[in-house]
Protein backbone atom coordinates (compact mmCIF):
# COMPACT_ATOMS: atom_id res chain seq x y z
CA UNK A 1 149.55 22.73 42.07
CA UNK A 2 150.70 20.32 39.38
CA UNK A 3 149.64 17.14 41.10
CA UNK A 4 146.85 14.91 39.90
CA UNK A 5 145.71 14.29 43.47
CA UNK A 6 145.15 18.03 43.96
CA UNK A 7 142.66 18.20 41.12
CA UNK A 8 139.95 17.05 43.46
CA UNK A 9 140.73 19.96 45.76
CA UNK A 10 141.00 22.57 43.03
CA UNK A 11 137.79 21.37 41.47
CA UNK A 12 134.71 22.76 43.25
CA UNK A 13 131.87 20.39 43.99
CA UNK A 14 128.80 21.54 42.10
CA UNK A 15 125.26 20.30 42.25
CA UNK A 16 124.91 17.88 39.36
CA UNK A 17 121.96 18.30 37.07
CA UNK A 18 122.93 15.67 34.55
CA UNK A 19 120.02 13.62 33.40
CA UNK A 20 121.75 10.29 33.87
CA UNK A 21 118.66 8.14 34.26
CA UNK A 22 118.39 4.54 35.32
CA UNK A 23 117.90 3.24 31.78
CA UNK A 24 121.35 4.50 30.89
CA UNK A 25 123.02 2.79 33.83
CA UNK A 26 121.17 -0.39 32.81
CA UNK A 27 123.05 -0.19 29.51
CA UNK A 28 126.29 -1.13 31.23
CA UNK A 29 127.24 -4.32 33.04
CA UNK A 30 130.13 -4.81 35.42
CA UNK A 31 132.31 -7.84 34.66
CA UNK A 32 135.25 -7.54 37.07
CA UNK A 33 136.70 -5.36 39.83
CA UNK A 34 140.42 -5.38 40.63
CA UNK A 35 142.32 -3.64 43.42
CA UNK A 36 145.32 -1.74 42.04
CA UNK A 37 146.64 -1.00 45.61
CA UNK A 38 148.05 2.38 44.52
CA UNK A 39 145.67 5.06 43.21
CA UNK A 40 144.85 4.31 39.56
CA UNK A 41 144.73 7.06 36.94
CA UNK A 42 145.45 5.63 33.49
CA UNK A 43 144.09 2.67 31.48
CA UNK A 44 145.16 1.85 27.90
CA UNK A 45 144.25 -1.14 25.70
CA UNK A 46 146.85 -2.13 23.11
CA UNK A 47 145.77 -1.15 19.56
CA UNK A 48 148.28 -3.37 17.71
CA UNK A 49 146.84 -6.52 16.04
CA UNK A 50 148.05 -9.70 17.73
CA UNK A 51 148.14 -7.90 21.10
CA UNK A 52 144.59 -6.52 21.32
CA UNK A 53 144.00 -8.55 24.49
CA UNK A 54 146.66 -6.59 26.42
CA UNK A 55 145.77 -3.69 28.72
CA UNK A 56 147.99 -1.58 30.97
CA UNK A 57 147.05 0.44 34.04
CA UNK A 58 149.17 3.21 35.54
CA UNK A 59 149.13 4.14 39.22
CA UNK A 60 150.21 7.05 41.38
CA UNK A 61 150.78 7.08 45.13
CA UNK A 62 152.26 9.61 47.53
CA UNK A 63 154.62 7.80 49.89
CA UNK A 64 153.98 8.40 53.61
CA UNK A 65 155.50 11.71 54.70
CA UNK A 66 157.57 10.22 57.53
CA UNK A 67 159.53 8.11 55.08
CA UNK A 68 160.52 11.23 53.19
CA UNK A 69 161.81 13.08 56.27
CA UNK A 70 163.40 10.34 58.33
CA UNK A 71 166.74 12.15 58.74
CA UNK A 72 166.89 13.15 62.45
CA UNK A 73 169.07 16.22 61.83
CA UNK A 74 166.68 17.62 59.24
CA UNK A 75 165.15 20.55 61.14
CA UNK A 76 162.91 21.68 58.29
CA UNK A 77 161.02 18.44 57.82
CA UNK A 78 158.00 20.20 56.29
CA UNK A 79 159.86 20.88 53.05
CA UNK A 80 160.90 17.27 52.51
CA UNK A 81 159.53 16.37 49.08
CA UNK A 82 156.99 13.58 49.11
CA UNK A 83 158.02 10.58 47.07
CA UNK A 84 155.56 9.80 44.33
CA UNK A 85 155.51 6.08 43.68
CA UNK A 86 153.94 4.29 40.75
CA UNK A 87 153.39 0.89 39.26
CA UNK A 88 152.89 -0.21 35.68
CA UNK A 89 150.33 -3.03 35.81
CA UNK A 90 149.97 -5.27 32.75
CA UNK A 91 146.92 -7.45 32.08
CA UNK A 92 145.73 -9.92 29.52
CA UNK A 93 142.07 -10.39 28.61
CA UNK A 94 141.09 -14.05 28.99
CA UNK A 95 137.85 -15.74 28.02
CA UNK A 96 137.62 -18.74 30.31
CA UNK A 97 133.93 -19.18 31.12
CA UNK A 98 133.77 -15.39 31.44
CA UNK A 99 135.75 -12.46 30.12
CA UNK A 100 138.26 -11.33 32.73
CA UNK A 101 141.63 -9.64 33.12
CA UNK A 102 144.64 -11.56 34.34
CA UNK A 103 147.76 -9.70 35.51
CA UNK A 104 150.99 -10.82 33.85
CA UNK A 105 153.47 -8.18 35.07
CA UNK A 106 153.87 -5.35 37.57
CA UNK A 107 156.80 -2.95 37.57
CA UNK A 108 157.71 -0.38 40.24
CA UNK A 109 158.31 3.07 38.74
CA UNK A 110 157.97 6.73 39.54
CA UNK A 111 154.32 7.75 39.76
CA UNK A 112 152.59 7.47 36.36
CA UNK A 113 150.34 10.31 35.17
CA UNK A 114 149.57 9.15 31.63
CA UNK A 115 150.36 6.34 29.20
CA UNK A 116 149.58 5.84 25.52
CA UNK A 117 150.34 3.06 23.05
CA UNK A 118 151.77 3.92 19.65
CA UNK A 119 148.91 3.22 17.19
CA UNK A 120 151.20 1.04 15.02
CA UNK A 121 153.98 -1.38 15.92
CA UNK A 122 157.50 -0.04 16.52
CA UNK A 123 160.32 -2.24 15.28
CA UNK A 124 157.71 -5.04 14.99
CA UNK A 125 156.52 -4.66 18.58
CA UNK A 126 153.82 -2.66 20.36
CA UNK A 127 155.31 0.46 21.96
CA UNK A 128 154.01 2.23 25.07
CA UNK A 129 154.91 5.76 26.16
CA UNK A 130 154.81 6.46 29.91
CA UNK A 131 154.72 9.94 31.50
CA UNK A 132 155.91 10.12 35.10
CA UNK A 133 156.18 12.39 38.13
CA UNK A 134 159.98 12.66 37.86
CA UNK A 135 159.67 14.53 34.57
CA UNK A 136 160.50 11.53 32.38
CA UNK A 137 159.00 10.15 29.20
CA UNK A 138 159.88 6.47 28.86
CA UNK A 139 159.30 4.03 26.02
CA UNK A 140 158.38 0.41 26.65
CA UNK A 141 157.84 -2.44 24.22
CA UNK A 142 155.71 -5.54 24.59
CA UNK A 143 157.32 -8.84 23.75
CA UNK A 144 155.46 -12.02 23.12
CA UNK A 145 157.21 -15.33 23.50
CA UNK A 146 154.56 -17.90 22.61
CA UNK A 147 152.48 -18.42 19.48
CA UNK A 148 150.90 -15.08 18.68
CA UNK A 149 147.94 -16.43 16.74
CA UNK A 150 145.89 -17.41 19.78
CA UNK A 151 145.13 -14.29 21.79
CA UNK A 152 143.74 -16.36 24.62
CA UNK A 153 146.83 -18.46 25.26
CA UNK A 154 147.66 -18.50 28.94
CA UNK A 155 150.92 -16.96 27.95
CA UNK A 156 153.39 -16.49 30.75
CA UNK A 157 156.12 -15.24 28.44
CA UNK A 158 154.69 -11.84 27.55
CA UNK A 159 156.63 -8.98 29.03
CA UNK A 160 156.95 -5.22 28.92
CA UNK A 161 160.52 -3.94 28.73
CA UNK A 162 161.76 -0.38 28.99
CA UNK A 163 163.78 0.62 25.91
CA UNK A 164 164.77 4.20 26.72
CA UNK A 165 163.73 7.36 28.50
CA UNK A 166 164.31 11.09 28.34
CA UNK A 167 163.80 13.77 30.97
CA UNK A 168 161.51 16.39 29.43
CA UNK A 169 161.06 18.62 32.49
CA UNK A 170 163.20 19.25 35.56
CA UNK A 171 161.49 19.56 38.96
CA UNK A 172 158.16 18.90 37.31
CA UNK A 173 155.68 16.22 36.29
CA UNK A 174 154.92 15.02 32.78
CA UNK A 175 151.13 15.23 32.78
CA UNK A 176 150.18 13.78 29.39
CA UNK A 177 151.48 12.34 26.14
CA UNK A 178 150.15 11.57 22.68
CA UNK A 179 151.55 9.82 19.59
CA UNK A 180 151.46 11.24 16.06
CA UNK A 181 150.44 7.86 14.62
CA UNK A 182 146.62 7.93 14.79
CA UNK A 183 146.27 8.13 11.00
CA UNK A 184 149.82 8.26 9.66
CA UNK A 185 152.17 5.43 10.52
CA UNK A 186 155.87 6.13 10.80
CA UNK A 187 159.04 4.25 11.66
CA UNK A 188 160.14 7.40 13.51
CA UNK A 189 156.94 8.56 15.22
CA UNK A 190 156.64 11.73 17.24
CA UNK A 191 155.42 12.00 20.83
CA UNK A 192 154.03 15.20 22.33
CA UNK A 193 154.19 15.68 26.11
CA UNK A 194 152.71 18.35 28.36
CA UNK A 195 154.00 19.13 31.84
CA UNK A 196 153.36 20.86 35.16
CA UNK A 197 155.49 23.86 34.15
CA UNK A 198 153.17 24.69 31.24
CA UNK A 199 155.49 23.35 28.56
CA UNK A 200 154.89 21.19 25.51
CA UNK A 201 157.74 18.98 24.32
CA UNK A 202 157.96 17.36 20.90
CA UNK A 203 160.01 14.17 20.85
CA UNK A 204 160.97 11.70 18.14
CA UNK A 205 161.48 7.97 18.62
CA UNK A 206 164.33 6.32 16.71
CA UNK A 207 163.44 3.40 14.37
CA UNK A 208 165.32 0.98 16.64
CA UNK A 209 163.32 2.32 19.65
CA UNK A 210 166.65 2.74 21.48
CA UNK A 211 166.37 6.55 21.68
CA UNK A 212 163.88 9.31 22.28
CA UNK A 213 165.18 12.67 21.12
CA UNK A 214 163.75 16.05 22.09
CA UNK A 215 163.02 17.98 18.89
CA UNK A 216 161.55 21.15 20.40
CA UNK A 217 160.11 22.50 23.63
CA UNK A 218 158.09 25.63 24.33
CA UNK A 219 156.00 27.27 27.02
CA UNK A 220 152.37 26.87 26.03
CA UNK A 221 150.41 27.82 29.17
CA UNK A 222 150.58 29.73 32.41
CA UNK A 223 150.46 27.10 35.16
CA UNK A 224 150.02 23.41 34.25
CA UNK A 225 149.72 22.22 30.67
CA UNK A 226 147.36 19.40 31.58
CA UNK A 227 146.99 17.89 28.11
CA UNK A 228 148.64 17.83 24.71
CA UNK A 229 147.31 16.06 21.60
CA UNK A 230 148.02 15.63 17.90
CA UNK A 231 145.61 16.25 15.08
CA UNK A 232 145.95 12.68 13.79
CA UNK A 233 144.91 13.69 10.26
CA UNK A 234 147.48 16.48 10.13
CA UNK A 235 150.16 15.69 12.72
CA UNK A 236 152.02 18.96 12.13
CA UNK A 237 149.14 20.46 14.14
CA UNK A 238 148.97 19.88 17.89
CA UNK A 239 146.59 21.12 20.57
CA UNK A 240 147.08 21.86 24.24
CA UNK A 241 144.95 22.57 27.28
CA UNK A 242 146.03 24.28 30.47
CA UNK A 243 145.10 25.26 33.98
CA UNK A 244 144.85 28.80 32.56
CA UNK A 245 141.48 27.70 31.04
CA UNK A 246 142.90 28.03 27.53
CA UNK A 247 142.73 25.64 24.61
CA UNK A 248 145.48 26.38 22.07
CA UNK A 249 146.66 25.18 18.68
CA UNK A 250 150.25 24.99 17.45
CA UNK A 251 151.97 24.41 14.10
CA UNK A 252 155.07 22.37 14.94
CA UNK A 253 156.71 23.29 11.61
CA UNK A 254 157.19 26.75 13.16
CA UNK A 255 159.16 27.73 16.31
CA UNK A 256 155.83 27.78 18.23
CA UNK A 257 156.42 31.26 19.63
CA UNK A 258 152.73 32.00 18.96
CA UNK A 259 149.73 29.64 18.96
CA UNK A 260 147.65 29.30 15.79
CA UNK A 261 144.56 30.00 17.93
CA UNK A 262 143.61 30.57 21.57
CA UNK A 263 140.14 29.56 22.75
CA UNK A 264 138.46 30.59 25.99
CA UNK A 265 135.45 28.35 25.29
CA UNK A 266 136.04 26.40 28.52
CA UNK A 267 135.55 28.28 31.78
CA UNK A 268 137.98 26.17 33.84
CA UNK A 269 141.15 24.16 33.25
CA UNK A 270 141.24 22.21 29.97
CA UNK A 271 142.33 18.66 30.84
CA UNK A 272 141.40 16.37 27.95
CA UNK A 273 141.71 16.52 24.15
CA UNK A 274 141.28 13.72 21.61
CA UNK A 275 141.41 13.79 17.83
CA UNK A 276 139.01 11.38 16.08
CA UNK A 277 140.90 8.81 13.97
CA UNK A 278 137.76 7.97 12.00
CA UNK A 279 136.45 11.46 11.24
CA UNK A 280 138.60 14.22 9.79
CA UNK A 281 138.34 17.72 11.35
CA UNK A 282 136.68 16.25 14.47
CA UNK A 283 138.12 17.09 17.89
CA UNK A 284 136.74 16.62 21.42
CA UNK A 285 137.89 18.62 24.44
CA UNK A 286 136.99 18.34 28.12
CA UNK A 287 137.48 20.51 31.17
CA UNK A 288 137.07 20.84 34.93
CA UNK A 289 134.06 22.97 33.90
CA UNK A 290 132.18 19.65 33.33
CA UNK A 291 131.63 20.25 29.63
CA UNK A 292 132.67 18.19 26.61
CA UNK A 293 133.05 20.44 23.57
CA UNK A 294 133.11 19.10 20.01
CA UNK A 295 135.01 21.05 17.38
CA UNK A 296 135.41 21.28 13.63
CA UNK A 297 139.16 21.93 13.50
CA UNK A 298 138.72 24.16 10.44
CA UNK A 299 137.00 26.72 12.66
CA UNK A 300 138.22 26.87 16.24
CA UNK A 301 136.37 30.11 17.01
CA UNK A 302 133.28 28.29 18.24
CA UNK A 303 132.55 24.71 19.27
CA UNK A 304 129.98 22.85 17.17
CA UNK A 305 128.47 21.13 20.21
CA UNK A 306 128.53 21.32 23.99
CA UNK A 307 127.58 18.43 26.29
CA UNK A 308 127.36 18.94 30.06
CA UNK A 309 128.45 15.69 31.75
CA UNK A 310 128.33 16.66 35.43
CA UNK A 311 131.96 16.09 36.35
CA UNK A 312 135.42 17.31 35.37
CA UNK A 313 136.32 15.59 32.09
CA UNK A 314 139.73 14.06 32.82
CA UNK A 315 139.93 11.78 29.75
CA UNK A 316 138.15 11.46 26.41
CA UNK A 317 138.47 8.47 24.07
CA UNK A 318 136.85 8.21 20.65
CA UNK A 319 135.74 4.68 19.77
CA UNK A 320 138.20 2.83 17.52
CA UNK A 321 135.58 1.59 15.04
CA UNK A 322 132.56 3.90 15.45
CA UNK A 323 133.17 7.53 14.54
CA UNK A 324 130.21 8.84 16.61
CA UNK A 325 130.93 7.22 19.96
CA UNK A 326 132.99 8.95 22.67
CA UNK A 327 133.94 7.69 26.14
CA UNK A 328 134.35 10.29 28.90
CA UNK A 329 135.94 9.83 32.35
CA UNK A 330 134.15 12.43 34.47
CA UNK A 331 135.97 12.53 37.82
CA UNK A 332 133.24 13.05 40.47
CA UNK A 333 130.51 11.79 38.17
CA UNK A 334 131.56 8.42 36.78
CA UNK A 335 132.02 7.36 33.17
CA UNK A 336 129.72 8.28 30.30
CA UNK A 337 129.36 7.16 26.70
CA UNK A 338 128.26 9.82 24.22
CA UNK A 339 126.78 9.25 20.76
CA UNK A 340 127.49 12.56 19.05
CA UNK A 341 125.26 11.72 16.07
CA UNK A 342 122.27 12.36 18.36
CA UNK A 343 123.22 16.01 18.83
CA UNK A 344 122.06 17.02 15.34
CA UNK A 345 118.47 16.10 16.23
CA UNK A 346 118.66 17.80 19.61
CA UNK A 347 118.61 14.51 21.52
CA UNK A 348 120.72 13.91 24.65
CA UNK A 349 124.15 12.71 23.66
CA UNK A 350 124.78 10.57 26.76
CA UNK A 351 123.60 7.07 25.81
CA UNK A 352 125.12 5.06 28.66
CA UNK A 353 126.72 5.63 32.05
CA UNK A 354 128.84 3.52 34.38
CA UNK A 355 128.60 4.68 37.99
CA UNK A 356 130.13 1.73 39.89
CA UNK A 357 133.36 3.48 40.89
CA UNK A 358 133.43 5.00 44.38
CA UNK A 359 136.08 7.64 43.66
CA UNK A 360 137.40 10.02 41.01
CA UNK A 361 136.91 8.58 37.53
CA UNK A 362 140.27 9.20 35.83
CA UNK A 363 141.29 6.49 33.34
CA UNK A 364 139.19 4.73 30.70
CA UNK A 365 139.62 3.07 27.32
CA UNK A 366 137.83 0.89 24.79
CA UNK A 367 139.06 -2.66 24.30
CA UNK A 368 139.93 -3.10 20.62
CA UNK A 369 139.69 -6.91 20.75
CA UNK A 370 137.10 -8.23 18.25
CA UNK A 371 135.28 -10.30 20.89
CA UNK A 372 134.19 -7.01 22.41
CA UNK A 373 133.12 -5.03 19.35
CA UNK A 374 132.50 -7.42 16.47
CA UNK A 375 128.92 -6.24 16.26
CA UNK A 376 129.74 -2.54 16.44
CA UNK A 377 128.71 -0.71 13.26
CA UNK A 378 130.89 2.08 11.84
CA UNK A 379 128.48 4.89 12.80
CA UNK A 380 125.45 5.53 15.01
CA UNK A 381 125.03 3.45 18.15
CA UNK A 382 123.32 0.17 17.27
CA UNK A 383 123.04 -3.21 19.00
CA UNK A 384 126.38 -4.66 19.92
CA UNK A 385 128.63 -4.79 22.90
CA UNK A 386 131.73 -2.82 23.67
CA UNK A 387 134.17 -3.71 26.38
CA UNK A 388 135.64 -0.93 28.51
CA UNK A 389 138.23 -0.82 31.28
CA UNK A 390 138.15 2.09 33.69
CA UNK A 391 139.94 3.09 36.86
CA UNK A 392 139.37 5.42 39.76
CA UNK A 393 141.78 7.19 42.05
CA UNK A 394 141.39 7.09 45.82
CA UNK A 395 139.62 3.70 45.92
CA UNK A 396 142.43 2.31 43.67
CA UNK A 397 139.97 0.36 41.58
CA UNK A 398 140.27 -1.05 38.07
CA UNK A 399 137.04 -2.30 36.55
CA UNK A 400 136.08 -4.21 33.40
CA UNK A 401 132.57 -3.58 32.05
CA UNK A 402 130.55 -3.79 28.90
CA UNK A 403 128.22 -1.40 27.15
CA UNK A 404 125.13 -3.18 25.88
CA UNK A 405 124.05 -0.65 23.29
């Protein structure tokens, strides 16, 4: 079914042979653990300068069944739809004695399945797209009341405000979204969504951020389209992954009646795709089959590398300043950091692991704030520290940690 919580059921439990040794887990250090109350599945650090200390977390909770079927005359109570509740949690990174997250806003919404920040500011403000279980894509902007120069102000006047929303699927869930702005900034950026009915939807945001318009929509997959993503270097190209185990490419200048390629390289549902902002032609994909595949987008017939990470790869995030470093959220098997430059020499790509979560590892992202990555070189893992936030589902946990490379 098209519910995030079902992924655990669909996904068989294998014996894990990953060579995650103790030295790798020593490379990470936990800084903070927060209880998100509802199940947490999405974490995104703001990429817009002046707001790099802001992080949002999205949550998803099935309301108790009895609440949904409280009508006494409803004889067929089993079919009462379960309400999916969500919260948008907003945090600021503070550095008082120790680095920690401080919540500045929480907003009740429909259950959130994915969120992404626009890579550039929209109408002079950071913009956040939110995908929810009612089939909506909504756009939020972050407003900052106090002096913006000091990122560590205890600033009570920051707030996230919804600007607009559009329903992209009826009786379905929006499962993912991506922005076209990874390399090419635009005052009218595009957003791609994927949904539980197997569709991709291309939307455009108006310059005033008051409207999201649907440009085109097409059926991309049988069953769920778990993930959609832009090629940031060539945003007329998008990719999608589905529960039909297919990875597909699309040219959005065409009617999208036929994909530009179909790959069966993954043996189970394809659930994560991320284009590398720092390296042209470089794409990473992940699947319930527990493999991360690396691709040269000029030849999608065969992956250039294959890394087995011992858990379904729900999210992949390339590092914002190091082209070789990739963060993977691996469901049953924690979070792993890969250095893909090691693959050429035949060395293991997993250079660090974070195994402190007690449940499905779903959301993860790199903090872009300079305090966390000032020492990070542009390629090849070298001494430095990177700050990561990650979240896990059933134990509703949000954690802040650092990679001591």
